[in-house]
Amino acid sequence: MATTMTFTDSAIQRIKPLSKTEWYSDKTYRGLRLSVTSGGTKTWYASKWDGAAQKSRQVKIGQFPNMKRDEAWRIASEVKSEMDAGEFMSRAEKAVKAVEEEMPLTMLRL
């Protein structure tokens, strides 16, 4: 279960890593989660319930301090909107699509 805190850049900066990965959330920024690993890496995730699949979807969106709270919230909101519209694609799906678009279709003769 995630620890609830108020996401401010200074509060996130003060989080100390524990012996295992810890999750943090903020009631104001629903769907935005922060993972803090035992090594001290702080990673933002967008989290959204997928009613069709009956499970929670989680997408890594960036790392703190390179990505501050406001930018993480903006991107998480965009990702959740894409999920709602059924337009969200994972990085792996985007990579496959990019390769398919670059490769010309080969015509076979019979």
N, C-alpha and C. Protein backbone atom coordinates (compact mmCIF):
# COMPACT_ATOMS: atom_id res chain seq x y z
N MET A 1 0.84 -1.18 0.00
CA MET A 1 0.00 0.00 0.00
C MET A 1 0.89 1.24 0.00
N ALA A 2 0.46 2.26 -0.72
CA ALA A 2 1.25 3.48 -0.85
C ALA A 2 1.10 4.37 0.39
N THR A 3 2.19 5.01 0.74
CA THR A 3 2.18 5.99 1.81
C THR A 3 1.63 7.29 1.23
N THR A 4 0.68 7.90 1.92
CA THR A 4 0.11 9.15 1.45
C THR A 4 0.92 10.32 2.00
N MET A 5 1.25 11.25 1.12
CA MET A 5 1.98 12.45 1.51
C MET A 5 1.55 13.58 0.60
N THR A 6 1.98 14.78 0.89
CA THR A 6 1.73 15.92 0.01
C THR A 6 2.92 16.05 -0.92
N PHE A 7 2.66 15.92 -2.22
CA PHE A 7 3.75 16.02 -3.19
C PHE A 7 4.18 17.47 -3.36
N THR A 8 5.31 17.80 -2.82
CA THR A 8 6.01 19.05 -3.13
C THR A 8 7.42 18.64 -3.48
N ASP A 9 8.06 19.42 -4.32
CA ASP A 9 9.41 19.05 -4.74
C ASP A 9 10.36 18.96 -3.55
N SER A 10 10.20 19.85 -2.57
CA SER A 10 11.09 19.81 -1.41
C SER A 10 10.82 18.58 -0.53
N ALA A 11 9.53 18.20 -0.38
CA ALA A 11 9.20 17.01 0.41
C ALA A 11 9.71 15.75 -0.26
N ILE A 12 9.61 15.70 -1.57
CA ILE A 12 10.10 14.53 -2.32
C ILE A 12 11.62 14.44 -2.21
N GLN A 13 12.28 15.59 -2.25
CA GLN A 13 13.74 15.64 -2.13
C GLN A 13 14.18 15.05 -0.79
N ARG A 14 13.40 15.26 0.27
CA ARG A 14 13.76 14.81 1.61
C ARG A 14 13.49 13.32 1.86
N ILE A 15 12.78 12.64 0.98
CA ILE A 15 12.48 11.22 1.19
C ILE A 15 13.78 10.42 1.20
N LYS A 16 13.96 9.64 2.23
CA LYS A 16 15.14 8.79 2.36
C LYS A 16 14.78 7.37 1.92
N PRO A 17 15.67 6.71 1.16
CA PRO A 17 15.39 5.34 0.73
C PRO A 17 15.40 4.38 1.92
N LEU A 18 14.53 3.39 1.86
CA LEU A 18 14.46 2.34 2.88
C LEU A 18 15.07 1.07 2.31
N SER A 19 14.95 -0.03 3.02
CA SER A 19 15.56 -1.29 2.59
C SER A 19 14.81 -1.94 1.42
N LYS A 20 13.60 -1.48 1.15
CA LYS A 20 12.83 -2.02 0.03
C LYS A 20 12.14 -0.87 -0.70
N THR A 21 11.60 -1.15 -1.86
CA THR A 21 10.91 -0.13 -2.65
C THR A 21 9.66 0.34 -1.92
N GLU A 22 9.50 1.64 -1.83
CA GLU A 22 8.32 2.25 -1.20
C GLU A 22 7.55 3.04 -2.24
N TRP A 23 6.22 3.06 -2.10
CA TRP A 23 5.35 3.80 -3.00
C TRP A 23 4.70 4.95 -2.24
N TYR A 24 4.58 6.09 -2.91
CA TYR A 24 3.96 7.27 -2.32
C TYR A 24 2.88 7.80 -3.26
N SER A 25 1.83 8.37 -2.66
CA SER A 25 0.76 8.97 -3.44
C SER A 25 0.30 10.24 -2.74
N ASP A 26 -0.48 11.05 -3.44
CA ASP A 26 -1.02 12.30 -2.92
C ASP A 26 -2.48 12.36 -3.33
N LYS A 27 -3.37 12.65 -2.38
CA LYS A 27 -4.80 12.69 -2.68
C LYS A 27 -5.14 13.78 -3.69
N THR A 28 -4.36 14.83 -3.74
CA THR A 28 -4.60 15.92 -4.69
C THR A 28 -4.30 15.49 -6.12
N TYR A 29 -3.29 14.67 -6.29
CA TYR A 29 -2.84 14.23 -7.61
C TYR A 29 -3.18 12.75 -7.80
N ARG A 30 -4.46 12.46 -7.91
CA ARG A 30 -4.91 11.07 -8.02
C ARG A 30 -4.40 10.46 -9.33
N GLY A 31 -3.81 9.28 -9.18
CA GLY A 31 -3.26 8.59 -10.35
C GLY A 31 -1.78 8.84 -10.57
N LEU A 32 -1.20 9.75 -9.79
CA LEU A 32 0.24 9.98 -9.86
C LEU A 32 0.88 9.31 -8.66
N ARG A 33 1.84 8.43 -8.92
CA ARG A 33 2.52 7.71 -7.84
C ARG A 33 4.02 7.91 -7.96
N LEU A 34 4.71 7.79 -6.83
CA LEU A 34 6.15 7.92 -6.79
C LEU A 34 6.73 6.65 -6.17
N SER A 35 7.67 6.05 -6.85
CA SER A 35 8.37 4.87 -6.35
C SER A 35 9.76 5.30 -5.91
N VAL A 36 10.14 4.88 -4.70
CA VAL A 36 11.49 5.16 -4.20
C VAL A 36 12.15 3.83 -3.90
N THR A 37 13.20 3.51 -4.65
CA THR A 37 13.88 2.22 -4.48
C THR A 37 14.89 2.30 -3.33
N SER A 38 15.38 1.14 -2.94
CA SER A 38 16.36 1.09 -1.85
C SER A 38 17.66 1.81 -2.23
N GLY A 39 17.93 1.93 -3.52
CA GLY A 39 19.10 2.66 -3.99
C GLY A 39 18.90 4.16 -4.05
N GLY A 40 17.66 4.62 -3.80
CA GLY A 40 17.37 6.05 -3.78
C GLY A 40 16.78 6.61 -5.06
N THR A 41 16.54 5.77 -6.07
CA THR A 41 15.95 6.25 -7.32
C THR A 41 14.47 6.57 -7.10
N LYS A 42 14.05 7.75 -7.52
CA LYS A 42 12.67 8.21 -7.36
C LYS A 42 12.04 8.31 -8.74
N THR A 43 11.03 7.47 -8.99
CA THR A 43 10.45 7.37 -10.32
C THR A 43 8.95 7.65 -10.27
N TRP A 44 8.49 8.50 -11.20
CA TRP A 44 7.06 8.83 -11.31
C TRP A 44 6.34 7.79 -12.15
N TYR A 45 5.10 7.46 -11.74
CA TYR A 45 4.24 6.54 -12.49
C TYR A 45 2.84 7.14 -12.61
N ALA A 46 2.23 6.93 -13.76
CA ALA A 46 0.81 7.25 -13.93
C ALA A 46 0.06 5.94 -13.72
N SER A 47 -0.97 5.97 -12.90
CA SER A 47 -1.73 4.76 -12.57
C SER A 47 -3.20 5.00 -12.88
N LYS A 48 -3.85 4.03 -13.53
CA LYS A 48 -5.25 4.18 -13.94
C LYS A 48 -5.93 2.82 -13.93
N TRP A 49 -7.13 2.75 -13.43
CA TRP A 49 -7.91 1.52 -13.45
C TRP A 49 -8.45 1.28 -14.85
N ASP A 50 -8.22 0.09 -15.38
CA ASP A 50 -8.72 -0.30 -16.69
C ASP A 50 -9.93 -1.20 -16.46
N GLY A 51 -11.10 -0.63 -16.64
CA GLY A 51 -12.34 -1.37 -16.39
C GLY A 51 -12.52 -2.55 -17.33
N ALA A 52 -12.08 -2.40 -18.59
CA ALA A 52 -12.24 -3.48 -19.56
C ALA A 52 -11.40 -4.69 -19.17
N ALA A 53 -10.18 -4.46 -18.73
CA ALA A 53 -9.30 -5.55 -18.36
C ALA A 53 -9.43 -5.94 -16.89
N GLN A 54 -10.17 -5.12 -16.13
CA GLN A 54 -10.37 -5.35 -14.69
C GLN A 54 -9.05 -5.42 -13.93
N LYS A 55 -8.14 -4.48 -14.27
CA LYS A 55 -6.89 -4.38 -13.53
C LYS A 55 -6.35 -2.96 -13.64
N SER A 56 -5.41 -2.67 -12.79
CA SER A 56 -4.79 -1.35 -12.78
C SER A 56 -3.65 -1.32 -13.78
N ARG A 57 -3.59 -0.27 -14.56
CA ARG A 57 -2.50 -0.08 -15.51
C ARG A 57 -1.56 0.97 -14.92
N GLN A 58 -0.27 0.74 -15.07
CA GLN A 58 0.72 1.65 -14.52
C GLN A 58 1.78 1.91 -15.58
N VAL A 59 2.11 3.19 -15.77
CA VAL A 59 3.06 3.58 -16.80
C VAL A 59 4.15 4.45 -16.17
N LYS A 60 5.40 4.07 -16.41
CA LYS A 60 6.53 4.87 -15.93
C LYS A 60 6.60 6.12 -16.80
N ILE A 61 6.68 7.30 -16.14
CA ILE A 61 6.70 8.54 -16.92
C ILE A 61 7.96 9.37 -16.74
N GLY A 62 8.77 9.11 -15.73
CA GLY A 62 10.00 9.87 -15.57
C GLY A 62 10.59 9.73 -14.19
N GLN A 63 11.76 10.35 -14.00
CA GLN A 63 12.44 10.28 -12.71
C GLN A 63 12.61 11.66 -12.11
N PHE A 64 12.49 11.67 -10.80
CA PHE A 64 12.74 12.88 -10.03
C PHE A 64 14.24 12.89 -9.72
N PRO A 65 14.97 13.95 -9.81
CA PRO A 65 14.59 15.36 -9.93
C PRO A 65 14.55 15.89 -11.35
N ASN A 66 14.88 15.04 -12.35
CA ASN A 66 14.82 15.52 -13.75
C ASN A 66 13.42 15.95 -14.12
N MET A 67 12.41 15.30 -13.56
CA MET A 67 11.01 15.64 -13.81
C MET A 67 10.39 16.04 -12.47
N LYS A 68 10.04 17.29 -12.37
CA LYS A 68 9.43 17.80 -11.14
C LYS A 68 7.95 17.41 -11.10
N ARG A 69 7.31 17.66 -9.95
CA ARG A 69 5.92 17.25 -9.73
C ARG A 69 4.96 17.81 -10.77
N ASP A 70 5.05 19.08 -11.10
CA ASP A 70 4.08 19.67 -12.03
C ASP A 70 4.17 19.04 -13.42
N GLU A 71 5.37 18.79 -13.89
CA GLU A 71 5.53 18.15 -15.19
C GLU A 71 5.04 16.70 -15.14
N ALA A 72 5.34 16.01 -14.04
CA ALA A 72 4.88 14.63 -13.88
C ALA A 72 3.35 14.58 -13.88
N TRP A 73 2.71 15.54 -13.21
CA TRP A 73 1.25 15.57 -13.17
C TRP A 73 0.66 15.84 -14.55
N ARG A 74 1.28 16.75 -15.31
CA ARG A 74 0.80 17.05 -16.66
C ARG A 74 0.89 15.81 -17.55
N ILE A 75 2.01 15.12 -17.51
CA ILE A 75 2.18 13.92 -18.34
C ILE A 75 1.26 12.80 -17.87
N ALA A 76 1.11 12.63 -16.55
CA ALA A 76 0.21 11.59 -16.03
C ALA A 76 -1.22 11.86 -16.48
N SER A 77 -1.64 13.11 -16.50
CA SER A 77 -2.99 13.46 -16.95
C SER A 77 -3.17 13.13 -18.42
N GLU A 78 -2.14 13.40 -19.23
CA GLU A 78 -2.21 13.07 -20.66
C GLU A 78 -2.30 11.56 -20.87
N VAL A 79 -1.48 10.81 -20.14
CA VAL A 79 -1.48 9.35 -20.26
C VAL A 79 -2.84 8.79 -19.86
N LYS A 80 -3.41 9.29 -18.76
CA LYS A 80 -4.71 8.79 -18.31
C LYS A 80 -5.80 9.13 -19.33
N SER A 81 -5.72 10.29 -19.97
CA SER A 81 -6.69 10.66 -21.01
C SER A 81 -6.58 9.72 -22.20
N GLU A 82 -5.33 9.40 -22.59
CA GLU A 82 -5.13 8.44 -23.69
C GLU A 82 -5.69 7.07 -23.33
N MET A 83 -5.51 6.65 -22.07
CA MET A 83 -6.06 5.36 -21.64
C MET A 83 -7.58 5.37 -21.71
N ASP A 84 -8.19 6.47 -21.27
CA ASP A 84 -9.65 6.58 -21.31
C ASP A 84 -10.18 6.51 -22.75
N ALA A 85 -9.44 7.11 -23.68
CA ALA A 85 -9.86 7.14 -25.08
C ALA A 85 -9.48 5.87 -25.83
N GLY A 86 -8.75 4.98 -25.17
CA GLY A 86 -8.31 3.75 -25.82
C GLY A 86 -7.19 3.97 -26.81
N GLU A 87 -6.48 5.09 -26.68
CA GLU A 87 -5.42 5.44 -27.62
C GLU A 87 -4.03 5.22 -27.05
N PHE A 88 -3.92 4.78 -25.82
CA PHE A 88 -2.60 4.63 -25.20
C PHE A 88 -1.85 3.45 -25.76
N MET A 89 -0.55 3.68 -26.05
CA MET A 89 0.33 2.60 -26.50
C MET A 89 1.58 2.63 -25.62
N SER A 90 2.03 1.46 -25.21
CA SER A 90 3.26 1.37 -24.42
C SER A 90 4.45 1.72 -25.30
N ARG A 91 5.61 1.90 -24.66
CA ARG A 91 6.82 2.19 -25.43
C ARG A 91 7.13 1.05 -26.39
N ALA A 92 6.92 -0.18 -25.97
CA ALA A 92 7.19 -1.33 -26.84
C ALA A 92 6.26 -1.31 -28.05
N GLU A 93 4.97 -1.00 -27.83
CA GLU A 93 4.02 -0.93 -28.94
C GLU A 93 4.37 0.22 -29.90
N LYS A 94 4.82 1.35 -29.36
CA LYS A 94 5.23 2.48 -30.21
C LYS A 94 6.46 2.11 -31.04
N ALA A 95 7.39 1.37 -30.45
CA ALA A 95 8.60 0.97 -31.17
C ALA A 95 8.25 0.03 -32.32
N VAL A 96 7.36 -0.93 -32.08
CA VAL A 96 6.93 -1.86 -33.13
C VAL A 96 6.25 -1.10 -34.25
N LYS A 97 5.38 -0.15 -33.89
CA LYS A 97 4.67 0.64 -34.90
C LYS A 97 5.65 1.47 -35.73
N ALA A 98 6.66 2.06 -35.09
CA ALA A 98 7.65 2.87 -35.80
C ALA A 98 8.43 2.02 -36.79
N VAL A 99 8.80 0.81 -36.39
CA VAL A 99 9.54 -0.09 -37.30
C VAL A 99 8.66 -0.49 -38.47
N GLU A 100 7.39 -0.78 -38.20
CA GLU A 100 6.47 -1.17 -39.26
C GLU A 100 6.27 -0.03 -40.26
N GLU A 101 6.23 1.21 -39.75
CA GLU A 101 6.04 2.35 -40.65
C GLU A 101 7.27 2.65 -41.48
N GLU A 102 8.46 2.32 -40.98
CA GLU A 102 9.69 2.56 -41.71
C GLU A 102 9.94 1.52 -42.78
N MET A 103 9.47 0.29 -42.56
CA MET A 103 9.72 -0.79 -43.51
C MET A 103 8.67 -0.76 -44.60
N PRO A 104 9.12 -0.68 -45.86
CA PRO A 104 8.14 -0.73 -46.94
C PRO A 104 7.57 -2.15 -47.07
N LEU A 105 6.34 -2.20 -47.48
CA LEU A 105 5.72 -3.51 -47.68
C LEU A 105 6.31 -4.18 -48.92
N THR A 106 6.61 -5.42 -48.81
CA THR A 106 7.18 -6.18 -49.91
C THR A 106 6.05 -6.83 -50.69
N MET A 107 6.10 -6.69 -51.98
CA MET A 107 5.06 -7.30 -52.81
C MET A 107 5.55 -8.67 -53.25
N LEU A 108 4.72 -9.64 -53.09
CA LEU A 108 5.07 -11.00 -53.49
C LEU A 108 4.37 -11.34 -54.79
N ARG A 109 5.09 -11.97 -55.65
CA ARG A 109 4.48 -12.44 -56.91
C ARG A 109 4.14 -13.90 -56.77
N LEU A 110 3.04 -14.25 -57.29
CA LEU A 110 2.62 -15.65 -57.28
C LEU A 110 2.84 -16.29 -58.60
